[in-house]
Amino acid sequence: MTIKRAYMDHNATTPLRPEARAAVIEALDVLGNPSSVHTEGRAARALVERARRDLSMIRRDETFFQSVER
């Protein structure tokens, strides 16, 4: 008899859905500060805005964006 294991340590890491993983990989190729006005910054800003739009269609009442400055 084989016992199926369940991964329960989601504080350490959580598996990504395939579409989320694809979005992260796409975003890693975009360089630029979304607050800047140069071409790279505008591309990064467009990516952020598209993500906000897409998430708001899925979980409008549960979506929060935050940044951390150190």
N, C-alpha and C. Protein backbone atom coordinates (compact mmCIF):
# COMPACT_ATOMS: atom_id res chain seq x y z
N MET A 1 0.84 -1.19 0.00
CA MET A 1 0.00 0.00 0.00
C MET A 1 0.88 1.25 0.00
N THR A 2 0.61 2.18 -0.89
CA THR A 2 1.37 3.42 -0.97
C THR A 2 0.57 4.55 -0.33
N ILE A 3 1.22 5.28 0.53
CA ILE A 3 0.57 6.41 1.18
C ILE A 3 0.90 7.67 0.40
N LYS A 4 -0.12 8.44 0.04
CA LYS A 4 0.09 9.69 -0.67
C LYS A 4 0.44 10.78 0.35
N ARG A 5 1.55 11.45 0.10
CA ARG A 5 2.00 12.51 0.99
C ARG A 5 1.29 13.82 0.68
N ALA A 6 1.04 14.61 1.70
CA ALA A 6 0.46 15.94 1.54
C ALA A 6 1.45 16.97 2.07
N TYR A 7 1.80 17.95 1.25
CA TYR A 7 2.73 19.00 1.67
C TYR A 7 1.94 20.06 2.42
N MET A 8 2.26 20.29 3.67
CA MET A 8 1.48 21.20 4.50
C MET A 8 2.25 22.43 4.98
N ASP A 9 3.52 22.56 4.62
CA ASP A 9 4.34 23.67 5.11
C ASP A 9 4.26 24.87 4.17
N HIS A 10 3.08 25.42 4.01
CA HIS A 10 2.90 26.54 3.08
C HIS A 10 3.43 27.86 3.63
N ASN A 11 3.91 27.89 4.86
CA ASN A 11 4.61 29.08 5.35
C ASN A 11 5.97 29.19 4.69
N ALA A 12 6.55 28.06 4.32
CA ALA A 12 7.87 28.05 3.70
C ALA A 12 7.76 28.32 2.20
N THR A 13 6.82 27.68 1.56
CA THR A 13 6.65 27.83 0.12
C THR A 13 5.27 27.32 -0.27
N THR A 14 4.70 27.91 -1.26
CA THR A 14 3.39 27.49 -1.75
C THR A 14 3.51 27.20 -3.24
N PRO A 15 3.00 26.07 -3.69
CA PRO A 15 3.07 25.77 -5.12
C PRO A 15 2.29 26.81 -5.93
N LEU A 16 2.85 27.20 -7.05
CA LEU A 16 2.19 28.16 -7.92
C LEU A 16 1.27 27.45 -8.90
N ARG A 17 0.18 28.10 -9.21
CA ARG A 17 -0.65 27.61 -10.30
C ARG A 17 0.12 27.82 -11.59
N PRO A 18 -0.09 27.00 -12.60
CA PRO A 18 0.66 27.13 -13.85
C PRO A 18 0.58 28.53 -14.47
N GLU A 19 -0.59 29.15 -14.43
CA GLU A 19 -0.72 30.49 -15.02
C GLU A 19 0.03 31.54 -14.21
N ALA A 20 0.10 31.36 -12.90
CA ALA A 20 0.87 32.28 -12.06
C ALA A 20 2.36 32.12 -12.33
N ARG A 21 2.79 30.89 -12.48
CA ARG A 21 4.20 30.62 -12.77
C ARG A 21 4.60 31.24 -14.11
N ALA A 22 3.74 31.10 -15.10
CA ALA A 22 4.01 31.69 -16.42
C ALA A 22 4.11 33.21 -16.33
N ALA A 23 3.25 33.82 -15.53
CA ALA A 23 3.27 35.28 -15.37
C ALA A 23 4.56 35.73 -14.68
N VAL A 24 5.01 35.00 -13.68
CA VAL A 24 6.26 35.34 -12.99
C VAL A 24 7.44 35.24 -13.96
N ILE A 25 7.48 34.16 -14.73
CA ILE A 25 8.58 33.99 -15.68
C ILE A 25 8.58 35.13 -16.70
N GLU A 26 7.41 35.52 -17.18
CA GLU A 26 7.32 36.65 -18.12
C GLU A 26 7.81 37.94 -17.46
N ALA A 27 7.42 38.17 -16.23
CA ALA A 27 7.78 39.40 -15.53
C ALA A 27 9.28 39.48 -15.26
N LEU A 28 9.93 38.33 -15.08
CA LEU A 28 11.37 38.34 -14.82
C LEU A 28 12.17 38.88 -16.01
N ASP A 29 11.59 38.84 -17.19
CA ASP A 29 12.28 39.36 -18.38
C ASP A 29 12.10 40.86 -18.57
N VAL A 30 11.23 41.48 -17.76
CA VAL A 30 10.97 42.92 -17.88
C VAL A 30 11.85 43.66 -16.89
N LEU A 31 12.74 44.49 -17.40
CA LEU A 31 13.62 45.28 -16.54
C LEU A 31 13.11 46.71 -16.51
N GLY A 32 13.18 47.32 -15.37
CA GLY A 32 12.79 48.72 -15.28
C GLY A 32 12.00 49.01 -14.03
N ASN A 33 12.11 50.24 -13.59
CA ASN A 33 11.38 50.72 -12.42
C ASN A 33 10.03 51.23 -12.91
N PRO A 34 8.91 50.66 -12.44
CA PRO A 34 7.60 51.09 -12.92
C PRO A 34 7.27 52.55 -12.60
N SER A 35 8.06 53.18 -11.75
CA SER A 35 7.84 54.59 -11.43
C SER A 35 8.63 55.52 -12.35
N SER A 36 9.45 54.96 -13.22
CA SER A 36 10.27 55.78 -14.11
C SER A 36 9.57 56.01 -15.44
N VAL A 37 9.96 57.08 -16.13
CA VAL A 37 9.30 57.44 -17.39
C VAL A 37 10.05 56.95 -18.62
N HIS A 38 11.22 56.32 -18.44
CA HIS A 38 11.93 55.82 -19.61
C HIS A 38 11.21 54.59 -20.17
N THR A 39 11.63 54.13 -21.33
CA THR A 39 10.97 53.03 -22.02
C THR A 39 10.84 51.79 -21.14
N GLU A 40 11.93 51.43 -20.47
CA GLU A 40 11.89 50.24 -19.62
C GLU A 40 10.92 50.41 -18.45
N GLY A 41 10.88 51.60 -17.89
CA GLY A 41 9.97 51.89 -16.79
C GLY A 41 8.52 51.80 -17.22
N ARG A 42 8.23 52.32 -18.41
CA ARG A 42 6.86 52.25 -18.92
C ARG A 42 6.44 50.81 -19.19
N ALA A 43 7.37 49.99 -19.67
CA ALA A 43 7.06 48.57 -19.90
C ALA A 43 6.78 47.86 -18.57
N ALA A 44 7.58 48.17 -17.56
CA ALA A 44 7.36 47.57 -16.24
C ALA A 44 6.02 48.04 -15.66
N ARG A 45 5.71 49.32 -15.84
CA ARG A 45 4.45 49.86 -15.34
C ARG A 45 3.25 49.20 -16.02
N ALA A 46 3.37 48.97 -17.33
CA ALA A 46 2.29 48.31 -18.07
C ALA A 46 2.07 46.90 -17.54
N LEU A 47 3.15 46.20 -17.21
CA LEU A 47 3.04 44.86 -16.66
C LEU A 47 2.33 44.87 -15.31
N VAL A 48 2.68 45.82 -14.45
CA VAL A 48 2.04 45.94 -13.14
C VAL A 48 0.55 46.25 -13.31
N GLU A 49 0.24 47.20 -14.18
CA GLU A 49 -1.16 47.58 -14.38
C GLU A 49 -1.98 46.43 -14.96
N ARG A 50 -1.39 45.66 -15.87
CA ARG A 50 -2.08 44.51 -16.43
C ARG A 50 -2.35 43.48 -15.33
N ALA A 51 -1.37 43.26 -14.46
CA ALA A 51 -1.55 42.32 -13.35
C ALA A 51 -2.66 42.79 -12.42
N ARG A 52 -2.69 44.07 -12.13
CA ARG A 52 -3.76 44.60 -11.27
C ARG A 52 -5.13 44.41 -11.90
N ARG A 53 -5.22 44.69 -13.20
CA ARG A 53 -6.49 44.52 -13.91
C ARG A 53 -6.93 43.06 -13.88
N ASP A 54 -6.00 42.17 -14.20
CA ASP A 54 -6.33 40.75 -14.24
C ASP A 54 -6.77 40.23 -12.87
N LEU A 55 -6.03 40.62 -11.83
CA LEU A 55 -6.39 40.17 -10.48
C LEU A 55 -7.72 40.75 -10.02
N SER A 56 -8.00 41.98 -10.39
CA SER A 56 -9.25 42.59 -9.95
C SER A 56 -10.46 41.88 -10.56
N MET A 57 -10.28 41.27 -11.71
CA MET A 57 -11.38 40.53 -12.33
C MET A 57 -11.62 39.19 -11.62
N ILE A 58 -10.60 38.69 -10.94
CA ILE A 58 -10.71 37.40 -10.27
C ILE A 58 -11.16 37.57 -8.82
N ARG A 59 -10.46 38.40 -8.09
CA ARG A 59 -10.68 38.56 -6.65
C ARG A 59 -10.73 40.04 -6.26
N ARG A 60 -11.64 40.76 -6.81
CA ARG A 60 -11.68 42.21 -6.60
C ARG A 60 -11.68 42.60 -5.13
N ASP A 61 -12.45 41.92 -4.31
CA ASP A 61 -12.58 42.30 -2.90
C ASP A 61 -11.44 41.78 -2.03
N GLU A 62 -10.56 40.95 -2.59
CA GLU A 62 -9.50 40.37 -1.80
C GLU A 62 -8.10 40.70 -2.31
N THR A 63 -7.97 41.63 -3.24
CA THR A 63 -6.68 41.91 -3.84
C THR A 63 -6.08 43.18 -3.24
N PHE A 64 -4.88 43.03 -2.70
CA PHE A 64 -4.16 44.17 -2.13
C PHE A 64 -2.74 44.16 -2.68
N PHE A 65 -2.26 45.33 -3.05
CA PHE A 65 -0.87 45.47 -3.47
C PHE A 65 -0.15 46.28 -2.42
N GLN A 66 1.04 45.86 -2.08
CA GLN A 66 1.83 46.62 -1.14
C GLN A 66 3.29 46.52 -1.53
N SER A 67 4.04 47.50 -1.09
CA SER A 67 5.47 47.46 -1.31
C SER A 67 6.15 47.66 0.04
N VAL A 68 7.36 47.20 0.09
CA VAL A 68 8.13 47.31 1.34
C VAL A 68 9.40 48.07 1.03
N GLU A 69 9.62 49.13 1.76
CA GLU A 69 10.87 49.89 1.61
C GLU A 69 11.68 49.67 2.86
N ARG A 70 12.95 49.47 2.66
CA ARG A 70 13.83 49.23 3.82
C ARG A 70 14.85 50.32 3.91
